[in-house]
PDB file of N, CA and C in Angstrom:
ATOM      1  N   TRP A   1      18.838 -15.855  24.170  1.00  0.00           N
ATOM      2  CA  TRP A   1      19.954 -16.550  23.578  1.00  0.00           C
ATOM      3  C   TRP A   1      21.218 -15.734  23.719  1.00  0.00           C
ATOM      4  N   GLY A   2      22.318 -16.443  23.899  1.00  0.00           N
ATOM      5  CA  GLY A   2      23.620 -15.805  23.974  1.00  0.00           C
ATOM      6  C   GLY A   2      24.425 -16.093  22.722  1.00  0.00           C
ATOM      7  N   PRO A   3      25.662 -15.611  22.682  1.00  0.00           N
ATOM      8  CA  PRO A   3      26.509 -15.817  21.501  1.00  0.00           C
ATOM      9  C   PRO A   3      26.734 -17.293  21.175  1.00  0.00           C
ATOM     10  N   GLU A   4      26.834 -18.138  22.206  1.00  0.00           N
ATOM     11  CA  GLU A   4      27.062 -19.567  21.937  1.00  0.00           C
ATOM     12  C   GLU A   4      25.874 -20.207  21.230  1.00  0.00           C
ATOM     13  N   GLU A   5      24.661 -19.862  21.675  1.00  0.00           N
ATOM     14  CA  GLU A   5      23.460 -20.426  21.044  1.00  0.00           C
ATOM     15  C   GLU A   5      23.329 -19.954  19.590  1.00  0.00           C
ATOM     16  N   PHE A   6      23.588 -18.669  19.379  1.00  0.00           N
ATOM     17  CA  PHE A   6      23.506 -18.151  18.012  1.00  0.00           C
ATOM     18  C   PHE A   6      24.554 -18.805  17.114  1.00  0.00           C
ATOM     19  N   ALA A   7      25.730 -19.079  17.648  1.00  0.00           N
ATOM     20  CA  ALA A   7      26.784 -19.719  16.863  1.00  0.00           C
ATOM     21  C   ALA A   7      26.385 -21.137  16.460  1.00  0.00           C
ATOM     22  N   LYS A   8      25.597 -21.832  17.279  1.00  0.00           N
ATOM     23  CA  LYS A   8      25.167 -23.200  16.999  1.00  0.00           C
ATOM     24  C   LYS A   8      23.930 -23.257  16.103  1.00  0.00           C
ATOM     25  N   ALA A   9      23.228 -22.153  15.991  1.00  0.00           N
ATOM     26  CA  ALA A   9      21.958 -22.132  15.256  1.00  0.00           C
ATOM     27  C   ALA A   9      22.176 -22.354  13.763  1.00  0.00           C
ATOM     28  N   SER A  10      21.177 -22.967  13.127  1.00  0.00           N
ATOM     29  CA  SER A  10      21.199 -23.202  11.677  1.00  0.00           C
ATOM     30  C   SER A  10      20.026 -22.461  11.046  1.00  0.00           C
ATOM     31  N   PRO A  11      20.162 -22.074   9.780  1.00  0.00           N
ATOM     32  CA  PRO A  11      19.043 -21.445   9.087  1.00  0.00           C
ATOM     33  C   PRO A  11      17.847 -22.395   9.000  1.00  0.00           C
ATOM     34  N   PHE A  12      16.674 -21.833   9.057  1.00  0.00           N
ATOM     35  CA  PHE A  12      15.429 -22.620   9.055  1.00  0.00           C
ATOM     36  C   PHE A  12      15.354 -23.612   7.898  1.00  0.00           C
ATOM     37  N   PRO A  13      15.667 -23.210   6.640  1.00  0.00           N
ATOM     38  CA  PRO A  13      15.582 -24.191   5.542  1.00  0.00           C
ATOM     39  C   PRO A  13      16.489 -25.404   5.747  1.00  0.00           C
ATOM     40  N   GLU A  14      17.664 -25.184   6.357  1.00  0.00           N
ATOM     41  CA  GLU A  14      18.568 -26.318   6.616  1.00  0.00           C
ATOM     42  C   GLU A  14      17.988 -27.258   7.657  1.00  0.00           C
ATOM     43  N   VAL A  15      17.385 -26.707   8.693  1.00  0.00           N
ATOM     44  CA  VAL A  15      16.785 -27.537   9.741  1.00  0.00           C
ATOM     45  C   VAL A  15      15.643 -28.363   9.164  1.00  0.00           C
ATOM     46  N   LEU A  16      14.788 -27.731   8.353  1.00  0.00           N
ATOM     47  CA  LEU A  16      13.691 -28.469   7.723  1.00  0.00           C
ATOM     48  C   LEU A  16      14.222 -29.589   6.841  1.00  0.00           C
ATOM     49  N   ALA A  17      15.247 -29.312   6.047  1.00  0.00           N
ATOM     50  CA  ALA A  17      15.806 -30.328   5.154  1.00  0.00           C
ATOM     51  C   ALA A  17      16.376 -31.499   5.946  1.00  0.00           C
ATOM     52  N   GLU A  18      17.022 -31.219   7.085  1.00  0.00           N
ATOM     53  CA  GLU A  18      17.566 -32.290   7.918  1.00  0.00           C
ATOM     54  C   GLU A  18      16.463 -33.171   8.476  1.00  0.00           C
ATOM     55  N   ARG A  19      15.357 -32.554   8.854  1.00  0.00           N
ATOM     56  CA  ARG A  19      14.275 -33.311   9.494  1.00  0.00           C
ATOM     57  C   ARG A  19      13.329 -33.986   8.510  1.00  0.00           C
ATOM     58  N   PHE A  20      13.069 -33.323   7.359  1.00  0.00           N
ATOM     59  CA  PHE A  20      12.037 -33.828   6.447  1.00  0.00           C
ATOM     60  C   PHE A  20      12.548 -34.187   5.059  1.00  0.00           C
ATOM     61  N   GLY A  21      13.795 -33.905   4.763  1.00  0.00           N
ATOM     62  CA  GLY A  21      14.329 -34.143   3.419  1.00  0.00           C
ATOM     63  C   GLY A  21      14.207 -32.883   2.568  1.00  0.00           C
ATOM     64  N   ASP A  22      15.073 -32.802   1.563  1.00  0.00           N
ATOM     65  CA  ASP A  22      15.125 -31.608   0.719  1.00  0.00           C
ATOM     66  C   ASP A  22      13.808 -31.319   0.007  1.00  0.00           C
ATOM     67  N   LYS A  23      13.219 -32.341  -0.602  1.00  0.00           N
ATOM     68  CA  LYS A  23      12.009 -32.130  -1.391  1.00  0.00           C
ATOM     69  C   LYS A  23      10.867 -31.624  -0.518  1.00  0.00           C
ATOM     70  N   THR A  24      10.630 -32.258   0.602  1.00  0.00           N
ATOM     71  CA  THR A  24       9.550 -31.840   1.496  1.00  0.00           C
ATOM     72  C   THR A  24       9.818 -30.450   2.052  1.00  0.00           C
ATOM     73  N   ALA A  25      11.074 -30.165   2.381  1.00  0.00           N
ATOM     74  CA  ALA A  25      11.423 -28.843   2.904  1.00  0.00           C
ATOM     75  C   ALA A  25      11.122 -27.763   1.869  1.00  0.00           C
ATOM     76  N   GLN A  26      11.458 -28.030   0.593  1.00  0.00           N
ATOM     77  CA  GLN A  26      11.176 -27.062  -0.467  1.00  0.00           C
ATOM     78  C   GLN A  26       9.675 -26.818  -0.611  1.00  0.00           C
ATOM     79  N   GLU A  27       8.879 -27.870  -0.471  1.00  0.00           N
ATOM     80  CA  GLU A  27       7.423 -27.740  -0.579  1.00  0.00           C
ATOM     81  C   GLU A  27       6.843 -26.968   0.606  1.00  0.00           C
ATOM     82  N   MET A  28       7.486 -27.100   1.772  1.00  0.00           N
ATOM     83  CA  MET A  28       6.974 -26.449   2.982  1.00  0.00           C
ATOM     84  C   MET A  28       7.286 -24.953   3.019  1.00  0.00           C
ATOM     85  N   ILE A  29       8.372 -24.561   2.362  1.00  0.00           N
ATOM     86  CA  ILE A  29       8.763 -23.155   2.374  1.00  0.00           C
ATOM     87  C   ILE A  29       8.228 -22.505   1.113  1.00  0.00           C
ATOM     88  N   ARG A  30       7.259 -21.629   1.280  1.00  0.00           N
ATOM     89  CA  ARG A  30       6.699 -20.960   0.117  1.00  0.00           C
ATOM     90  C   ARG A  30       7.320 -19.580  -0.036  1.00  0.00           C
ATOM     91  N   PRO A  31       7.357 -19.076  -1.254  1.00  0.00           N
ATOM     92  CA  PRO A  31       7.924 -17.748  -1.472  1.00  0.00           C
ATOM     93  C   PRO A  31       7.104 -16.685  -0.743  1.00  0.00           C
ATOM     94  N   ARG A  32       7.761 -15.626  -0.346  1.00  0.00           N
ATOM     95  CA  ARG A  32       7.079 -14.550   0.352  1.00  0.00           C
ATOM     96  C   ARG A  32       6.524 -13.556  -0.651  1.00  0.00           C
ATOM     97  N   GLY A  33       5.432 -12.928  -0.266  1.00  0.00           N
ATOM     98  CA  GLY A  33       4.863 -11.865  -1.079  1.00  0.00           C
ATOM     99  C   GLY A  33       3.962 -12.359  -2.196  1.00  0.00           C
ATOM    100  N   ARG A  34       3.492 -11.418  -2.954  1.00  0.00           N
ATOM    101  CA  ARG A  34       2.581 -11.684  -4.054  1.00  0.00           C
ATOM    102  C   ARG A  34       3.364 -12.228  -5.250  1.00  0.00           C
ATOM    103  N   PRO A  35       2.783 -13.172  -6.000  1.00  0.00           N
ATOM    104  CA  PRO A  35       3.475 -13.658  -7.198  1.00  0.00           C
ATOM    105  C   PRO A  35       3.705 -12.509  -8.186  1.00  0.00           C
ATOM    106  N   LYS A  36       4.794 -12.572  -8.936  1.00  0.00           N
ATOM    107  CA  LYS A  36       5.104 -11.534  -9.909  1.00  0.00           C
ATOM    108  C   LYS A  36       4.098 -11.578 -11.057  1.00  0.00           C
ATOM    109  N   ALA A  37       3.623 -10.406 -11.448  1.00  0.00           N
ATOM    110  CA  ALA A  37       2.686 -10.301 -12.558  1.00  0.00           C
ATOM    111  C   ALA A  37       3.429 -10.463 -13.879  1.00  0.00           C
ATOM    112  N   ALA A  38       2.719 -10.950 -14.889  1.00  0.00           N
ATOM    113  CA  ALA A  38       3.314 -11.091 -16.210  1.00  0.00           C
ATOM    114  C   ALA A  38       3.700  -9.722 -16.761  1.00  0.00           C
ATOM    115  N   GLN A  39       2.848  -8.739 -16.523  1.00  0.00           N
ATOM    116  CA  GLN A  39       3.127  -7.378 -16.956  1.00  0.00           C
ATOM    117  C   GLN A  39       3.157  -6.506 -15.706  1.00  0.00           C
ATOM    118  N   THR A  40       4.321  -5.974 -15.388  1.00  0.00           N
ATOM    119  CA  THR A  40       4.464  -5.190 -14.164  1.00  0.00           C
ATOM    120  C   THR A  40       4.003  -3.753 -14.380  1.00  0.00           C
ATOM    121  N   LYS A  41       3.699  -3.084 -13.294  1.00  0.00           N
ATOM    122  CA  LYS A  41       3.238  -1.700 -13.317  1.00  0.00           C
ATOM    123  C   LYS A  41       4.397  -0.771 -12.975  1.00  0.00           C
ATOM    124  N   VAL A  42       4.248   0.490 -13.354  1.00  0.00           N
ATOM    125  CA  VAL A  42       5.250   1.507 -13.077  1.00  0.00           C
ATOM    126  C   VAL A  42       4.585   2.608 -12.262  1.00  0.00           C
ATOM    127  N   PRO A  43       5.107   2.927 -11.066  1.00  0.00           N
ATOM    128  CA  PRO A  43       4.502   4.001 -10.280  1.00  0.00           C
ATOM    129  C   PRO A  43       4.761   5.355 -10.941  1.00  0.00           C
ATOM    130  N   VAL A  44       3.734   6.218 -10.931  1.00  0.00           N
ATOM    131  CA  VAL A  44       3.861   7.562 -11.503  1.00  0.00           C
ATOM    132  C   VAL A  44       3.254   8.579 -10.547  1.00  0.00           C
ATOM    133  N   SER A  45       3.629   9.818 -10.760  1.00  0.00           N
ATOM    134  CA  SER A  45       3.022  10.918 -10.041  1.00  0.00           C
ATOM    135  C   SER A  45       2.186  11.680 -11.060  1.00  0.00           C
ATOM    136  N   LEU A  46       0.917  11.904 -10.764  1.00  0.00           N
ATOM    137  CA  LEU A  46      -0.001  12.510 -11.717  1.00  0.00           C
ATOM    138  C   LEU A  46      -0.824  13.573 -11.009  1.00  0.00           C
ATOM    139  N   ARG A  47      -0.867  14.760 -11.583  1.00  0.00           N
ATOM    140  CA  ARG A  47      -1.654  15.846 -10.995  1.00  0.00           C
ATOM    141  C   ARG A  47      -2.986  15.930 -11.733  1.00  0.00           C
ATOM    142  N   ILE A  48      -4.078  15.675 -11.015  1.00  0.00           N
ATOM    143  CA  ILE A  48      -5.423  15.790 -11.583  1.00  0.00           C
ATOM    144  C   ILE A  48      -6.298  16.577 -10.625  1.00  0.00           C
ATOM    145  N   ASP A  49      -7.420  17.056 -11.115  1.00  0.00           N
ATOM    146  CA  ASP A  49      -8.343  17.822 -10.280  1.00  0.00           C
ATOM    147  C   ASP A  49      -8.854  16.968  -9.127  1.00  0.00           C
ATOM    148  N   ALA A  50      -9.035  17.606  -7.990  1.00  0.00           N
ATOM    149  CA  ALA A  50      -9.496  16.901  -6.793  1.00  0.00           C
ATOM    150  C   ALA A  50     -10.856  16.244  -7.021  1.00  0.00           C
ATOM    151  N   ASP A  51     -11.756  16.917  -7.729  1.00  0.00           N
ATOM    152  CA  ASP A  51     -13.088  16.343  -7.950  1.00  0.00           C
ATOM    153  C   ASP A  51     -13.016  15.123  -8.876  1.00  0.00           C
ATOM    154  N   THR A  52     -12.073  15.114  -9.808  1.00  0.00           N
ATOM    155  CA  THR A  52     -11.890  13.952 -10.680  1.00  0.00           C
ATOM    156  C   THR A  52     -11.407  12.757  -9.866  1.00  0.00           C
ATOM    157  N   LEU A  53     -10.440  13.002  -9.009  1.00  0.00           N
ATOM    158  CA  LEU A  53      -9.930  11.931  -8.151  1.00  0.00           C
ATOM    159  C   LEU A  53     -11.031  11.407  -7.237  1.00  0.00           C
ATOM    160  N   GLN A  54     -11.790  12.302  -6.649  1.00  0.00           N
ATOM    161  CA  GLN A  54     -12.878  11.890  -5.753  1.00  0.00           C
ATOM    162  C   GLN A  54     -13.918  11.051  -6.490  1.00  0.00           C
ATOM    163  N   ALA A  55     -14.198  11.430  -7.743  1.00  0.00           N
ATOM    164  CA  ALA A  55     -15.167  10.668  -8.540  1.00  0.00           C
ATOM    165  C   ALA A  55     -14.668   9.239  -8.780  1.00  0.00           C
ATOM    166  N   TRP A  56     -13.370   9.089  -9.077  1.00  0.00           N
ATOM    167  CA  TRP A  56     -12.825   7.750  -9.270  1.00  0.00           C
ATOM    168  C   TRP A  56     -12.864   6.952  -7.974  1.00  0.00           C
ATOM    169  N   LYS A  57     -12.463   7.577  -6.872  1.00  0.00           N
ATOM    170  CA  LYS A  57     -12.476   6.876  -5.580  1.00  0.00           C
ATOM    171  C   LYS A  57     -13.883   6.473  -5.179  1.00  0.00           C
ATOM    172  N   ALA A  58     -14.874   7.270  -5.563  1.00  0.00           N
ATOM    173  CA  ALA A  58     -16.267   6.975  -5.222  1.00  0.00           C
ATOM    174  C   ALA A  58     -16.785   5.725  -5.924  1.00  0.00           C
ATOM    175  N   THR A  59     -16.076   5.268  -6.958  1.00  0.00           N
ATOM    176  CA  THR A  59     -16.514   4.053  -7.659  1.00  0.00           C
ATOM    177  C   THR A  59     -16.181   2.802  -6.860  1.00  0.00           C
ATOM    178  N   GLY A  60     -15.443   2.950  -5.768  1.00  0.00           N
ATOM    179  CA  GLY A  60     -15.178   1.825  -4.871  1.00  0.00           C
ATOM    180  C   GLY A  60     -13.838   1.159  -5.093  1.00  0.00           C
ATOM    181  N   LYS A  61     -13.672   0.055  -4.381  1.00  0.00           N
ATOM    182  CA  LYS A  61     -12.422  -0.691  -4.428  1.00  0.00           C
ATOM    183  C   LYS A  61     -12.084  -1.066  -5.875  1.00  0.00           C
ATOM    184  N   GLY A  62     -10.809  -0.923  -6.220  1.00  0.00           N
ATOM    185  CA  GLY A  62     -10.363  -1.228  -7.573  1.00  0.00           C
ATOM    186  C   GLY A  62     -10.370  -0.016  -8.494  1.00  0.00           C
ATOM    187  N   TRP A  63     -10.576   1.171  -7.929  1.00  0.00           N
ATOM    188  CA  TRP A  63     -10.671   2.369  -8.766  1.00  0.00           C
ATOM    189  C   TRP A  63      -9.384   2.633  -9.542  1.00  0.00           C
ATOM    190  N   GLN A  64      -8.231   2.326  -8.961  1.00  0.00           N
ATOM    191  CA  GLN A  64      -6.975   2.568  -9.670  1.00  0.00           C
ATOM    192  C   GLN A  64      -6.835   1.651 -10.890  1.00  0.00           C
ATOM    193  N   THR A  65      -7.271   0.418 -10.743  1.00  0.00           N
ATOM    194  CA  THR A  65      -7.227  -0.527 -11.862  1.00  0.00           C
ATOM    195  C   THR A  65      -8.163  -0.069 -12.970  1.00  0.00           C
ATOM    196  N   ARG A  66      -9.364   0.382 -12.592  1.00  0.00           N
ATOM    197  CA  ARG A  66     -10.306   0.865 -13.597  1.00  0.00           C
ATOM    198  C   ARG A  66      -9.777   2.118 -14.289  1.00  0.00           C
ATOM    199  N   MET A  67      -9.166   3.013 -13.525  1.00  0.00           N
ATOM    200  CA  MET A  67      -8.604   4.231 -14.111  1.00  0.00           C
ATOM    201  C   MET A  67      -7.488   3.861 -15.091  1.00  0.00           C
ATOM    202  N   ALA A  68      -6.633   2.930 -14.719  1.00  0.00           N
ATOM    203  CA  ALA A  68      -5.547   2.503 -15.599  1.00  0.00           C
ATOM    204  C   ALA A  68      -6.098   1.897 -16.886  1.00  0.00           C
ATOM    205  N   ARG A  69      -7.194   1.135 -16.786  1.00  0.00           N
ATOM    206  CA  ARG A  69      -7.791   0.522 -17.970  1.00  0.00           C
ATOM    207  C   ARG A  69      -8.310   1.594 -18.927  1.00  0.00           C
ATOM    208  N   VAL A  70      -8.981   2.619 -18.393  1.00  0.00           N
ATOM    209  CA  VAL A  70      -9.494   3.704 -19.232  1.00  0.00           C
ATOM    210  C   VAL A  70      -8.342   4.463 -19.887  1.00  0.00           C
ATOM    211  N   LEU A  71      -7.294   4.730 -19.133  1.00  0.00           N
ATOM    212  CA  LEU A  71      -6.135   5.409 -19.710  1.00  0.00           C
ATOM    213  C   LEU A  71      -5.505   4.578 -20.827  1.00  0.00           C
ATOM    214  N   CYS A  72      -5.427   3.285 -20.620  1.00  0.00           N
ATOM    215  CA  CYS A  72      -4.871   2.383 -21.633  1.00  0.00           C
ATOM    216  C   CYS A  72      -5.730   2.393 -22.898  1.00  0.00           C
ATOM    217  N   GLU A  73      -7.038   2.309 -22.717  1.00  0.00           N
ATOM    218  CA  GLU A  73      -7.950   2.295 -23.863  1.00  0.00           C
ATOM    219  C   GLU A  73      -7.895   3.584 -24.654  1.00  0.00           C
ATOM    220  N   GLN A  74      -7.607   4.698 -24.009  1.00  0.00           N
ATOM    221  CA  GLN A  74      -7.565   5.997 -24.660  1.00  0.00           C
ATOM    222  C   GLN A  74      -6.170   6.390 -25.134  1.00  0.00           C
ATOM    223  N   ALA A  75      -5.199   5.570 -24.880  1.00  0.00           N
ATOM    224  CA  ALA A  75      -3.821   5.897 -25.260  1.00  0.00           C
ATOM    225  C   ALA A  75      -3.672   5.936 -26.779  1.00  0.00           C
ATOM    226  N   PRO A  76      -2.887   6.883 -27.295  1.00  0.00           N
ATOM    227  CA  PRO A  76      -2.651   6.935 -28.735  1.00  0.00           C
ATOM    228  C   PRO A  76      -2.033   5.624 -29.224  1.00  0.00           C
ATOM    229  N   GLY A  77      -2.543   5.109 -30.304  1.00  0.00           N
ATOM    230  CA  GLY A  77      -2.006   3.877 -30.873  1.00  0.00           C
ATOM    231  C   GLY A  77      -2.498   2.625 -30.169  1.00  0.00           C
ATOM    232  N   HIS A  78      -3.454   2.765 -29.252  1.00  0.00           N
ATOM    233  CA  HIS A  78      -3.979   1.582 -28.539  1.00  0.00           C
ATOM    234  C   HIS A  78      -4.675   0.668 -29.529  1.00  0.00           C
ATOM    235  N   ARG A  79      -4.453  -0.624 -29.373  1.00  0.00           N
ATOM    236  CA  ARG A  79      -5.077  -1.605 -30.282  1.00  0.00           C
ATOM    237  C   ARG A  79      -6.474  -1.929 -29.855  1.00  0.00           C
TER     238      ARG A  79
END
């Protein structure tokens, strides 16, 4: 494509709306990425013993979620 073609081009959502109507175009275009969680997470840096980390990783997929659950359950003031 050259500059003339790019100048004539329209954004994809506009083209869909012209061809299929606004409502159908909105239904066809889905949001990108994972849906937002009700409770978001905060990334942290944590220094722990290598053998402790290895033990958690050895529990298989989802080890970070399980570790977070245990930390939550042991947190001071946890309900």
